[in-house]
Amino acid sequence: MNWANESSSREFILLGFSDKPWLQMPLFLLLLISYTITIFGNVSIMIVCILDPKLHTPMYFFLTNLSILDLCYTTSTVPHMLINICHNKKTISYGGCVAQLIIFLALGATECLLLALMSFDRYMAVCRPLHYVVIMNHWFCLRVVGFSWLTGFSNSVLQSSLTLNMPRCGHKEVDHFFCEVPALLKLSCADTKHIEAELFFFSVLILLIPVTLILISYGFIAHAVLRIRSAEGRRKAFGTCGSHMVVVSLFFGTGIYMYLQPPSSTSKDWGKMVSLFYGIITPMLNPLIYSLRNKDMKEAFKRVIPRIFFYKK
């Protein structure tokens, strides 16, 4: 069985909440508002981080990459979801489903690794300040970010191959809003336990290992911050790290719920809501969390925005 053979069915039907027509309009408005805020917020962070020299540091280099990820992450699913809600025929082509699956998985895995890098950056800044400039240099940051993107896409290709090569016996009704691994596995007419075990292994590598490293890093950070005598220093350290921990909790909590348990054990409607949360709501909240809880970012907005709109030659 290969991808070409399965493509003969041409398209999948994305059921979403089609059995609950009263939810279509509220869902459309939620997606539209969330997507608009996601675009505006993440583009704003990218512009400010690029234009403000004071933000040319590893922390904001990683944050710029996170904003790029979140933009692409939501764009891979939300526009098609908005179109499907407005039409009675809620379909996606086989090629579109493959592309959506690969991109969504790749960017999700890359974000897991990037969040781990951001925690390492905070660990070095708080616990090893004298070594920070030497270790967190420009080339090191470029290499580890490049490694994250490469690992994310490699993981995606492997998981997508395992998922799409399962025989479906003509089944093409995906009980979801978009093409995602748990929903596609439910279409299989063969025993999926072996594939689920392999996918579970990859999910442990991408989800549990980064989140474990993040928790260890923040354990050291908390210990170091509590030893700071200055109340202002403790407040600044906890403020910067606190925003990152909020993002980590939202993203990893929902991702672990979806990918570290068998697809058959998840409630179909609850699984859809969780997917909406980490696929749409979390990318919308990221720029709000980092901008509203970060003093440096708020000051950078005040410097850069007037320069953009009121600049005179």
C-alpha atoms as a PDB file:
ATOM      1  CA  MET A   1       0.000   0.000   0.000  1.00  0.00           C
ATOM      2  CA  ASN A   2       1.388   3.448  -0.872  1.00  0.00           C
ATOM      3  CA  TRP A   3       0.286   7.050  -1.066  1.00  0.00           C
ATOM      4  CA  ALA A   4      -0.408   6.888  -4.814  1.00  0.00           C
ATOM      5  CA  ASN A   5      -2.849   4.000  -4.426  1.00  0.00           C
ATOM      6  CA  GLU A   6      -4.719   5.759  -1.624  1.00  0.00           C
ATOM      7  CA  SER A   7      -4.968   8.969  -3.650  1.00  0.00           C
ATOM      8  CA  SER A   8      -7.335   7.259  -6.038  1.00  0.00           C
ATOM      9  CA  SER A   9     -10.221   8.237  -3.760  1.00  0.00           C
ATOM     10  CA  ARG A  10      -9.298  11.862  -4.628  1.00  0.00           C
ATOM     11  CA  GLU A  11     -10.649  13.497  -1.503  1.00  0.00           C
ATOM     12  CA  PHE A  12     -11.595  13.215   2.150  1.00  0.00           C
ATOM     13  CA  ILE A  13     -14.745  14.496   3.836  1.00  0.00           C
ATOM     14  CA  LEU A  14     -14.008  16.536   6.971  1.00  0.00           C
ATOM     15  CA  LEU A  15     -16.988  16.084   9.269  1.00  0.00           C
ATOM     16  CA  GLY A  16     -15.978  18.548  12.007  1.00  0.00           C
ATOM     17  CA  PHE A  17     -19.150  19.508  13.907  1.00  0.00           C
ATOM     18  CA  SER A  18     -21.431  18.926  10.900  1.00  0.00           C
ATOM     19  CA  ASP A  19     -23.789  16.973  13.195  1.00  0.00           C
ATOM     20  CA  LYS A  20     -24.213  20.173  15.243  1.00  0.00           C
ATOM     21  CA  PRO A  21     -25.265  22.840  12.704  1.00  0.00           C
ATOM     22  CA  TRP A  22     -25.993  25.368  15.467  1.00  0.00           C
ATOM     23  CA  LEU A  23     -22.253  25.440  16.198  1.00  0.00           C
ATOM     24  CA  GLN A  24     -21.203  26.440  12.667  1.00  0.00           C
ATOM     25  CA  MET A  25     -21.608  30.216  12.996  1.00  0.00           C
ATOM     26  CA  PRO A  26     -20.060  30.539  16.505  1.00  0.00           C
ATOM     27  CA  LEU A  27     -17.166  28.347  15.339  1.00  0.00           C
ATOM     28  CA  PHE A  28     -16.688  30.435  12.194  1.00  0.00           C
ATOM     29  CA  LEU A  29     -16.541  33.646  14.252  1.00  0.00           C
ATOM     30  CA  LEU A  30     -14.154  32.072  16.776  1.00  0.00           C
ATOM     31  CA  LEU A  31     -11.804  30.897  14.019  1.00  0.00           C
ATOM     32  CA  LEU A  32     -11.951  34.190  12.134  1.00  0.00           C
ATOM     33  CA  ILE A  33     -11.276  36.329  15.219  1.00  0.00           C
ATOM     34  CA  SER A  34      -8.536  33.994  16.504  1.00  0.00           C
ATOM     35  CA  TYR A  35      -6.811  33.841  13.118  1.00  0.00           C
ATOM     36  CA  THR A  36      -6.926  37.632  12.719  1.00  0.00           C
ATOM     37  CA  ILE A  37      -5.412  38.157  16.172  1.00  0.00           C
ATOM     38  CA  THR A  38      -2.791  35.468  15.472  1.00  0.00           C
ATOM     39  CA  ILE A  39      -1.690  37.156  12.259  1.00  0.00           C
ATOM     40  CA  PHE A  40      -1.630  40.662  13.741  1.00  0.00           C
ATOM     41  CA  GLY A  41       0.073  39.619  16.996  1.00  0.00           C
ATOM     42  CA  ASN A  42       2.774  37.399  15.519  1.00  0.00           C
ATOM     43  CA  VAL A  43       3.587  39.752  12.634  1.00  0.00           C
ATOM     44  CA  SER A  44       3.881  42.607  15.152  1.00  0.00           C
ATOM     45  CA  ILE A  45       6.327  40.604  17.279  1.00  0.00           C
ATOM     46  CA  MET A  46       8.393  39.690  14.213  1.00  0.00           C
ATOM     47  CA  ILE A  47       8.570  43.330  13.065  1.00  0.00           C
ATOM     48  CA  VAL A  48       9.497  44.665  16.513  1.00  0.00           C
ATOM     49  CA  CYS A  49      12.142  41.973  17.130  1.00  0.00           C
ATOM     50  CA  ILE A  50      13.728  42.662  13.742  1.00  0.00           C
ATOM     51  CA  LEU A  51      13.613  46.466  13.833  1.00  0.00           C
ATOM     52  CA  ASP A  52      14.578  47.110  17.462  1.00  0.00           C
ATOM     53  CA  PRO A  53      18.351  46.626  18.000  1.00  0.00           C
ATOM     54  CA  LYS A  54      17.841  46.117  21.739  1.00  0.00           C
ATOM     55  CA  LEU A  55      15.930  42.919  20.976  1.00  0.00           C
ATOM     56  CA  HIS A  56      18.717  41.408  18.869  1.00  0.00           C
ATOM     57  CA  THR A  57      19.406  38.771  21.517  1.00  0.00           C
ATOM     58  CA  PRO A  58      19.026  34.966  21.519  1.00  0.00           C
ATOM     59  CA  MET A  59      15.768  35.135  23.492  1.00  0.00           C
ATOM     60  CA  TYR A  60      14.065  37.327  20.901  1.00  0.00           C
ATOM     61  CA  PHE A  61      15.654  35.441  18.005  1.00  0.00           C
ATOM     62  CA  PHE A  62      13.901  32.328  19.329  1.00  0.00           C
ATOM     63  CA  LEU A  63      10.707  34.326  19.873  1.00  0.00           C
ATOM     64  CA  THR A  64      10.792  35.511  16.233  1.00  0.00           C
ATOM     65  CA  ASN A  65      11.053  31.893  15.107  1.00  0.00           C
ATOM     66  CA  LEU A  66       8.142  30.991  17.394  1.00  0.00           C
ATOM     67  CA  SER A  67       6.029  33.707  15.757  1.00  0.00           C
ATOM     68  CA  ILE A  68       6.913  32.411  12.278  1.00  0.00           C
ATOM     69  CA  LEU A  69       5.971  28.898  13.391  1.00  0.00           C
ATOM     70  CA  ASP A  70       2.635  30.004  14.824  1.00  0.00           C
ATOM     71  CA  LEU A  71       1.762  31.936  11.649  1.00  0.00           C
ATOM     72  CA  CYS A  72       2.474  28.948   9.411  1.00  0.00           C
ATOM     73  CA  TYR A  73       0.943  26.522  11.927  1.00  0.00           C
ATOM     74  CA  THR A  74      -2.463  28.200  11.896  1.00  0.00           C
ATOM     75  CA  THR A  75      -2.365  29.049   8.191  1.00  0.00           C
ATOM     76  CA  SER A  76      -1.965  25.350   7.352  1.00  0.00           C
ATOM     77  CA  THR A  77      -5.444  24.610   8.745  1.00  0.00           C
ATOM     78  CA  VAL A  78      -7.612  27.650   9.534  1.00  0.00           C
ATOM     79  CA  PRO A  79      -8.282  29.115   6.030  1.00  0.00           C
ATOM     80  CA  HIS A  80      -9.502  25.737   4.761  1.00  0.00           C
ATOM     81  CA  MET A  81     -11.614  25.273   7.902  1.00  0.00           C
ATOM     82  CA  LEU A  82     -13.262  28.669   7.336  1.00  0.00           C
ATOM     83  CA  ILE A  83     -14.044  27.749   3.715  1.00  0.00           C
ATOM     84  CA  ASN A  84     -15.508  24.367   4.697  1.00  0.00           C
ATOM     85  CA  ILE A  85     -17.773  25.884   7.359  1.00  0.00           C
ATOM     86  CA  CYS A  86     -19.293  28.125   4.665  1.00  0.00           C
ATOM     87  CA  HIS A  87     -19.976  25.223   2.304  1.00  0.00           C
ATOM     88  CA  ASN A  88     -22.201  22.178   2.544  1.00  0.00           C
ATOM     89  CA  LYS A  89     -19.560  20.007   0.882  1.00  0.00           C
ATOM     90  CA  LYS A  90     -16.795  19.853   3.499  1.00  0.00           C
ATOM     91  CA  THR A  91     -13.996  18.159   1.574  1.00  0.00           C
ATOM     92  CA  ILE A  92     -10.246  18.289   1.146  1.00  0.00           C
ATOM     93  CA  SER A  93      -8.265  16.736  -1.704  1.00  0.00           C
ATOM     94  CA  TYR A  94      -5.913  13.858  -0.962  1.00  0.00           C
ATOM     95  CA  GLY A  95      -2.900  16.018  -1.844  1.00  0.00           C
ATOM     96  CA  GLY A  96      -4.222  18.828   0.340  1.00  0.00           C
ATOM     97  CA  CYS A  97      -4.697  16.405   3.237  1.00  0.00           C
ATOM     98  CA  VAL A  98      -1.147  15.067   2.884  1.00  0.00           C
ATOM     99  CA  ALA A  99       0.290  18.591   2.763  1.00  0.00           C
ATOM    100  CA  GLN A 100      -1.794  19.688   5.750  1.00  0.00           C
ATOM    101  CA  LEU A 101      -0.760  16.652   7.792  1.00  0.00           C
ATOM    102  CA  ILE A 102       2.956  17.029   7.048  1.00  0.00           C
ATOM    103  CA  ILE A 103       3.046  20.792   7.672  1.00  0.00           C
ATOM    104  CA  PHE A 104       0.954  20.619  10.853  1.00  0.00           C
ATOM    105  CA  LEU A 105       3.049  17.800  12.328  1.00  0.00           C
ATOM    106  CA  ALA A 106       6.345  19.399  11.285  1.00  0.00           C
ATOM    107  CA  LEU A 107       5.586  22.800  12.754  1.00  0.00           C
ATOM    108  CA  GLY A 108       4.125  21.296  15.931  1.00  0.00           C
ATOM    109  CA  ALA A 109       7.251  19.171  16.507  1.00  0.00           C
ATOM    110  CA  THR A 110       9.516  22.131  15.719  1.00  0.00           C
ATOM    111  CA  GLU A 111       7.658  24.258  18.262  1.00  0.00           C
ATOM    112  CA  CYS A 112       8.199  21.598  20.950  1.00  0.00           C
ATOM    113  CA  LEU A 113      11.954  21.737  20.357  1.00  0.00           C
ATOM    114  CA  LEU A 114      11.987  25.520  20.083  1.00  0.00           C
ATOM    115  CA  LEU A 115      10.246  25.905  23.443  1.00  0.00           C
ATOM    116  CA  ALA A 116      12.917  23.642  24.952  1.00  0.00           C
ATOM    117  CA  LEU A 117      15.621  25.891  23.435  1.00  0.00           C
ATOM    118  CA  MET A 118      13.935  28.955  24.905  1.00  0.00           C
ATOM    119  CA  SER A 119      14.006  27.357  28.360  1.00  0.00           C
ATOM    120  CA  PHE A 120      17.714  26.553  27.915  1.00  0.00           C
ATOM    121  CA  ASP A 121      18.319  30.179  26.943  1.00  0.00           C
ATOM    122  CA  ARG A 122      16.605  31.355  30.157  1.00  0.00           C
ATOM    123  CA  TYR A 123      18.586  28.795  32.174  1.00  0.00           C
ATOM    124  CA  MET A 124      21.867  30.127  30.785  1.00  0.00           C
ATOM    125  CA  ALA A 125      20.824  33.756  31.335  1.00  0.00           C
ATOM    126  CA  VAL A 126      19.780  33.214  34.972  1.00  0.00           C
ATOM    127  CA  CYS A 127      22.035  30.396  36.196  1.00  0.00           C
ATOM    128  CA  ARG A 128      25.163  30.850  34.046  1.00  0.00           C
ATOM    129  CA  PRO A 129      25.267  34.588  33.218  1.00  0.00           C
ATOM    130  CA  LEU A 130      29.086  34.694  32.872  1.00  0.00           C
ATOM    131  CA  HIS A 131      29.009  31.949  30.218  1.00  0.00           C
ATOM    132  CA  TYR A 132      25.875  33.232  28.460  1.00  0.00           C
ATOM    133  CA  VAL A 133      27.504  35.408  25.789  1.00  0.00           C
ATOM    134  CA  VAL A 134      30.116  32.760  24.969  1.00  0.00           C
ATOM    135  CA  ILE A 135      27.693  29.830  24.631  1.00  0.00           C
ATOM    136  CA  MET A 136      24.597  31.574  23.261  1.00  0.00           C
ATOM    137  CA  ASN A 137      26.426  33.152  20.347  1.00  0.00           C
ATOM    138  CA  HIS A 138      24.901  33.916  16.939  1.00  0.00           C
ATOM    139  CA  TRP A 139      26.155  30.784  15.175  1.00  0.00           C
ATOM    140  CA  PHE A 140      25.101  28.482  18.005  1.00  0.00           C
ATOM    141  CA  CYS A 141      21.570  29.918  17.922  1.00  0.00           C
ATOM    142  CA  LEU A 142      21.372  29.524  14.138  1.00  0.00           C
ATOM    143  CA  ARG A 143      22.536  25.905  14.328  1.00  0.00           C
ATOM    144  CA  VAL A 144      20.166  24.809  17.099  1.00  0.00           C
ATOM    145  CA  VAL A 145      17.183  26.531  15.457  1.00  0.00           C
ATOM    146  CA  GLY A 146      18.086  24.912  12.121  1.00  0.00           C
ATOM    147  CA  PHE A 147      18.350  21.552  13.900  1.00  0.00           C
ATOM    148  CA  SER A 148      14.875  22.088  15.404  1.00  0.00           C
ATOM    149  CA  TRP A 149      13.307  22.783  11.999  1.00  0.00           C
ATOM    150  CA  LEU A 150      15.092  19.821  10.388  1.00  0.00           C
ATOM    151  CA  THR A 151      14.121  17.447  13.209  1.00  0.00           C
ATOM    152  CA  GLY A 152      10.521  18.672  13.111  1.00  0.00           C
ATOM    153  CA  PHE A 153      10.137  17.990   9.397  1.00  0.00           C
ATOM    154  CA  SER A 154      11.967  14.631   9.621  1.00  0.00           C
ATOM    155  CA  ASN A 155       9.615  13.517  12.395  1.00  0.00           C
ATOM    156  CA  SER A 156       6.644  14.703  10.347  1.00  0.00           C
ATOM    157  CA  VAL A 157       7.650  12.719   7.267  1.00  0.00           C
ATOM    158  CA  LEU A 158       8.063   9.550   9.357  1.00  0.00           C
ATOM    159  CA  GLN A 159       4.748   9.916  11.208  1.00  0.00           C
ATOM    160  CA  SER A 160       2.879  10.940   8.047  1.00  0.00           C
ATOM    161  CA  SER A 161       4.263   7.929   6.151  1.00  0.00           C
ATOM    162  CA  LEU A 162       3.159   5.523   8.871  1.00  0.00           C
ATOM    163  CA  THR A 163      -0.297   7.098   9.081  1.00  0.00           C
ATOM    164  CA  LEU A 164      -1.021   7.460   5.360  1.00  0.00           C
ATOM    165  CA  ASN A 165       0.180   3.957   4.454  1.00  0.00           C
ATOM    166  CA  MET A 166      -2.487   2.309   6.606  1.00  0.00           C
ATOM    167  CA  PRO A 167      -5.213   0.637   4.466  1.00  0.00           C
ATOM    168  CA  ARG A 168      -8.509   2.518   4.631  1.00  0.00           C
ATOM    169  CA  CYS A 169     -10.708   0.275   2.455  1.00  0.00           C
ATOM    170  CA  GLY A 170     -12.440   3.263   0.876  1.00  0.00           C
ATOM    171  CA  HIS A 171     -13.201   5.048   4.150  1.00  0.00           C
ATOM    172  CA  LYS A 172     -12.866   8.779   3.607  1.00  0.00           C
ATOM    173  CA  GLU A 173     -14.990  10.479   6.284  1.00  0.00           C
ATOM    174  CA  VAL A 174     -12.518  12.123   8.682  1.00  0.00           C
ATOM    175  CA  ASP A 175     -14.261  12.957  11.963  1.00  0.00           C
ATOM    176  CA  HIS A 176     -12.266  16.148  12.447  1.00  0.00           C
ATOM    177  CA  PHE A 177     -11.774  19.713  11.146  1.00  0.00           C
ATOM    178  CA  PHE A 178      -8.457  18.941   9.453  1.00  0.00           C
ATOM    179  CA  CYS A 179      -6.148  16.030   8.657  1.00  0.00           C
ATOM    180  CA  GLU A 180      -4.486  14.946  11.903  1.00  0.00           C
ATOM    181  CA  VAL A 181      -2.911  11.629  12.905  1.00  0.00           C
ATOM    182  CA  PRO A 182      -5.479  10.395  15.500  1.00  0.00           C
ATOM    183  CA  ALA A 183      -8.431  11.137  13.188  1.00  0.00           C
ATOM    184  CA  LEU A 184      -6.811   9.506  10.128  1.00  0.00           C
ATOM    185  CA  LEU A 185      -5.868   6.373  12.082  1.00  0.00           C
ATOM    186  CA  LYS A 186      -9.551   5.826  12.878  1.00  0.00           C
ATOM    187  CA  LEU A 187     -10.207   5.396   9.121  1.00  0.00           C
ATOM    188  CA  SER A 188      -8.013   2.309   8.965  1.00  0.00           C
ATOM    189  CA  CYS A 189      -9.692  -1.047   8.379  1.00  0.00           C
ATOM    190  CA  ALA A 190      -6.637  -2.916   9.743  1.00  0.00           C
ATOM    191  CA  ASP A 191      -5.220  -3.367  13.241  1.00  0.00           C
ATOM    192  CA  THR A 192      -3.442  -0.116  14.150  1.00  0.00           C
ATOM    193  CA  LYS A 193      -1.812  -1.206  17.432  1.00  0.00           C
ATOM    194  CA  HIS A 194       1.632  -1.660  15.864  1.00  0.00           C
ATOM    195  CA  ILE A 195       1.465   1.729  14.146  1.00  0.00           C
ATOM    196  CA  GLU A 196       0.132   3.380  17.296  1.00  0.00           C
ATOM    197  CA  ALA A 197       3.115   1.983  19.234  1.00  0.00           C
ATOM    198  CA  GLU A 198       5.561   3.432  16.717  1.00  0.00           C
ATOM    199  CA  LEU A 199       3.781   6.802  16.669  1.00  0.00           C
ATOM    200  CA  PHE A 200       3.739   6.783  20.481  1.00  0.00           C
ATOM    201  CA  PHE A 201       7.529   6.333  20.475  1.00  0.00           C
ATOM    202  CA  PHE A 202       8.009   9.355  18.182  1.00  0.00           C
ATOM    203  CA  SER A 203       5.571  11.396  20.279  1.00  0.00           C
ATOM    204  CA  VAL A 204       7.541  10.598  23.442  1.00  0.00           C
ATOM    205  CA  LEU A 205      10.718  11.848  21.747  1.00  0.00           C
ATOM    206  CA  ILE A 206       9.086  15.058  20.538  1.00  0.00           C
ATOM    207  CA  LEU A 207       6.807  15.813  23.510  1.00  0.00           C
ATOM    208  CA  LEU A 208       8.017  14.223  26.732  1.00  0.00           C
ATOM    209  CA  ILE A 209      11.777  14.711  26.333  1.00  0.00           C
ATOM    210  CA  PRO A 210      11.533  18.473  25.595  1.00  0.00           C
ATOM    211  CA  VAL A 211       8.981  19.082  28.366  1.00  0.00           C
ATOM    212  CA  THR A 212      11.172  17.143  30.820  1.00  0.00           C
ATOM    213  CA  LEU A 213      14.194  19.271  29.888  1.00  0.00           C
ATOM    214  CA  ILE A 214      12.046  22.396  30.264  1.00  0.00           C
ATOM    215  CA  LEU A 215      10.922  21.382  33.759  1.00  0.00           C
ATOM    216  CA  ILE A 216      14.510  20.604  34.798  1.00  0.00           C
ATOM    217  CA  SER A 217      15.695  23.967  33.440  1.00  0.00           C
ATOM    218  CA  TYR A 218      13.010  25.844  35.328  1.00  0.00           C
ATOM    219  CA  GLY A 219      13.755  23.905  38.497  1.00  0.00           C
ATOM    220  CA  PHE A 220      17.314  25.258  38.381  1.00  0.00           C
ATOM    221  CA  ILE A 221      16.010  28.714  37.447  1.00  0.00           C
ATOM    222  CA  ALA A 222      13.578  28.814  40.363  1.00  0.00           C
ATOM    223  CA  HIS A 223      16.349  27.765  42.754  1.00  0.00           C
ATOM    224  CA  ALA A 224      18.662  30.479  41.394  1.00  0.00           C
ATOM    225  CA  VAL A 225      15.986  33.200  41.421  1.00  0.00           C
ATOM    226  CA  LEU A 226      15.053  32.515  45.048  1.00  0.00           C
ATOM    227  CA  ARG A 227      18.677  33.249  45.976  1.00  0.00           C
ATOM    228  CA  ILE A 228      18.551  36.719  44.393  1.00  0.00           C
ATOM    229  CA  ARG A 229      18.493  39.296  47.170  1.00  0.00           C
ATOM    230  CA  SER A 230      16.949  42.073  45.085  1.00  0.00           C
ATOM    231  CA  ALA A 231      13.149  41.949  44.990  1.00  0.00           C
ATOM    232  CA  GLU A 232      13.241  43.778  41.640  1.00  0.00           C
ATOM    233  CA  GLY A 233      15.637  41.174  40.236  1.00  0.00           C
ATOM    234  CA  ARG A 234      13.407  38.324  41.371  1.00  0.00           C
ATOM    235  CA  ARG A 235      10.352  40.016  39.917  1.00  0.00           C
ATOM    236  CA  LYS A 236      12.007  40.552  36.517  1.00  0.00           C
ATOM    237  CA  ALA A 237      13.344  36.984  36.359  1.00  0.00           C
ATOM    238  CA  PHE A 238      10.005  35.429  37.320  1.00  0.00           C
ATOM    239  CA  GLY A 239       8.158  37.762  34.919  1.00  0.00           C
ATOM    240  CA  THR A 240      10.302  36.774  31.930  1.00  0.00           C
ATOM    241  CA  CYS A 241      10.288  33.059  32.737  1.00  0.00           C
ATOM    242  CA  GLY A 242       6.644  33.055  33.838  1.00  0.00           C
ATOM    243  CA  SER A 243       5.392  34.022  30.372  1.00  0.00           C
ATOM    244  CA  HIS A 244       7.362  31.153  28.857  1.00  0.00           C
ATOM    245  CA  MET A 245       5.965  28.661  31.374  1.00  0.00           C
ATOM    246  CA  VAL A 246       2.396  29.717  30.543  1.00  0.00           C
ATOM    247  CA  VAL A 247       3.049  29.021  26.837  1.00  0.00           C
ATOM    248  CA  VAL A 248       4.720  25.685  27.653  1.00  0.00           C
ATOM    249  CA  SER A 249       1.819  24.565  29.860  1.00  0.00           C
ATOM    250  CA  LEU A 250      -0.821  25.415  27.254  1.00  0.00           C
ATOM    251  CA  PHE A 251       0.971  23.848  24.295  1.00  0.00           C
ATOM    252  CA  PHE A 252       2.433  20.699  25.856  1.00  0.00           C
ATOM    253  CA  GLY A 253      -0.569  19.980  28.068  1.00  0.00           C
ATOM    254  CA  THR A 254      -2.996  19.764  25.143  1.00  0.00           C
ATOM    255  CA  GLY A 255      -0.442  18.096  22.826  1.00  0.00           C
ATOM    256  CA  ILE A 256       0.313  15.332  25.346  1.00  0.00           C
ATOM    257  CA  TYR A 257      -3.422  14.726  25.828  1.00  0.00           C
ATOM    258  CA  MET A 258      -3.891  14.141  22.088  1.00  0.00           C
ATOM    259  CA  TYR A 259      -0.735  12.239  21.119  1.00  0.00           C
ATOM    260  CA  LEU A 260       0.239  10.186  24.165  1.00  0.00           C
ATOM    261  CA  GLN A 261      -2.891   8.070  24.347  1.00  0.00           C
ATOM    262  CA  PRO A 262      -4.504   5.692  21.841  1.00  0.00           C
ATOM    263  CA  PRO A 263      -6.806   7.455  19.318  1.00  0.00           C
ATOM    264  CA  SER A 264      -9.634   5.075  20.238  1.00  0.00           C
ATOM    265  CA  SER A 265      -9.580   6.236  23.873  1.00  0.00           C
ATOM    266  CA  THR A 266     -10.270   9.902  23.156  1.00  0.00           C
ATOM    267  CA  SER A 267     -13.798  11.326  23.072  1.00  0.00           C
ATOM    268  CA  LYS A 268     -14.328  12.490  19.497  1.00  0.00           C
ATOM    269  CA  ASP A 269     -15.841  15.883  20.361  1.00  0.00           C
ATOM    270  CA  TRP A 270     -13.419  16.535  23.223  1.00  0.00           C
ATOM    271  CA  GLY A 271     -10.501  15.621  20.946  1.00  0.00           C
ATOM    272  CA  LYS A 272     -11.680  18.165  18.383  1.00  0.00           C
ATOM    273  CA  MET A 273     -11.879  20.886  21.027  1.00  0.00           C
ATOM    274  CA  VAL A 274      -8.385  20.084  22.308  1.00  0.00           C
ATOM    275  CA  SER A 275      -7.035  20.197  18.734  1.00  0.00           C
ATOM    276  CA  LEU A 276      -8.663  23.598  18.239  1.00  0.00           C
ATOM    277  CA  PHE A 277      -7.006  24.789  21.429  1.00  0.00           C
ATOM    278  CA  TYR A 278      -3.390  23.849  20.655  1.00  0.00           C
ATOM    279  CA  GLY A 279      -3.766  24.431  16.916  1.00  0.00           C
ATOM    280  CA  ILE A 280      -5.541  27.809  16.995  1.00  0.00           C
ATOM    281  CA  ILE A 281      -6.027  29.283  20.479  1.00  0.00           C
ATOM    282  CA  THR A 282      -2.451  28.767  21.731  1.00  0.00           C
ATOM    283  CA  PRO A 283      -0.825  30.474  18.697  1.00  0.00           C
ATOM    284  CA  MET A 284      -3.221  33.382  19.257  1.00  0.00           C
ATOM    285  CA  LEU A 285      -2.321  33.637  22.950  1.00  0.00           C
ATOM    286  CA  ASN A 286       1.467  33.395  22.462  1.00  0.00           C
ATOM    287  CA  PRO A 287       2.021  36.983  21.222  1.00  0.00           C
ATOM    288  CA  LEU A 288      -0.378  38.348  23.846  1.00  0.00           C
ATOM    289  CA  ILE A 289       1.434  36.519  26.646  1.00  0.00           C
ATOM    290  CA  TYR A 290       4.902  37.532  25.483  1.00  0.00           C
ATOM    291  CA  SER A 291       4.007  41.168  24.804  1.00  0.00           C
ATOM    292  CA  LEU A 292       1.736  41.921  27.758  1.00  0.00           C
ATOM    293  CA  ARG A 293       3.907  40.145  30.361  1.00  0.00           C
ATOM    294  CA  ASN A 294       7.269  41.318  28.992  1.00  0.00           C
ATOM    295  CA  LYS A 295       8.524  44.797  29.926  1.00  0.00           C
ATOM    296  CA  ASP A 296      11.263  44.826  27.253  1.00  0.00           C
ATOM    297  CA  MET A 297       8.751  43.930  24.544  1.00  0.00           C
ATOM    298  CA  LYS A 298       6.298  46.628  25.641  1.00  0.00           C
ATOM    299  CA  GLU A 299       9.056  49.255  25.594  1.00  0.00           C
ATOM    300  CA  ALA A 300      10.193  48.051  22.164  1.00  0.00           C
ATOM    301  CA  PHE A 301       6.649  48.462  20.821  1.00  0.00           C
ATOM    302  CA  LYS A 302       6.668  52.075  22.060  1.00  0.00           C
ATOM    303  CA  ARG A 303       9.951  52.731  20.236  1.00  0.00           C
ATOM    304  CA  VAL A 304       9.241  50.906  16.977  1.00  0.00           C
ATOM    305  CA  ILE A 305       5.554  51.593  16.234  1.00  0.00           C
ATOM    306  CA  PRO A 306       5.919  55.411  16.107  1.00  0.00           C
ATOM    307  CA  ARG A 307       8.950  54.953  13.842  1.00  0.00           C
ATOM    308  CA  ILE A 308       6.878  52.876  11.399  1.00  0.00           C
ATOM    309  CA  PHE A 309       3.815  55.118  11.204  1.00  0.00           C
ATOM    310  CA  PHE A 310       5.305  58.562  11.714  1.00  0.00           C
ATOM    311  CA  TYR A 311       8.679  58.229  10.041  1.00  0.00           C
ATOM    312  CA  LYS A 312       9.607  61.194   7.872  1.00  0.00           C
ATOM    313  CA  LYS A 313      12.371  61.292   5.329  1.00  0.00           C
END
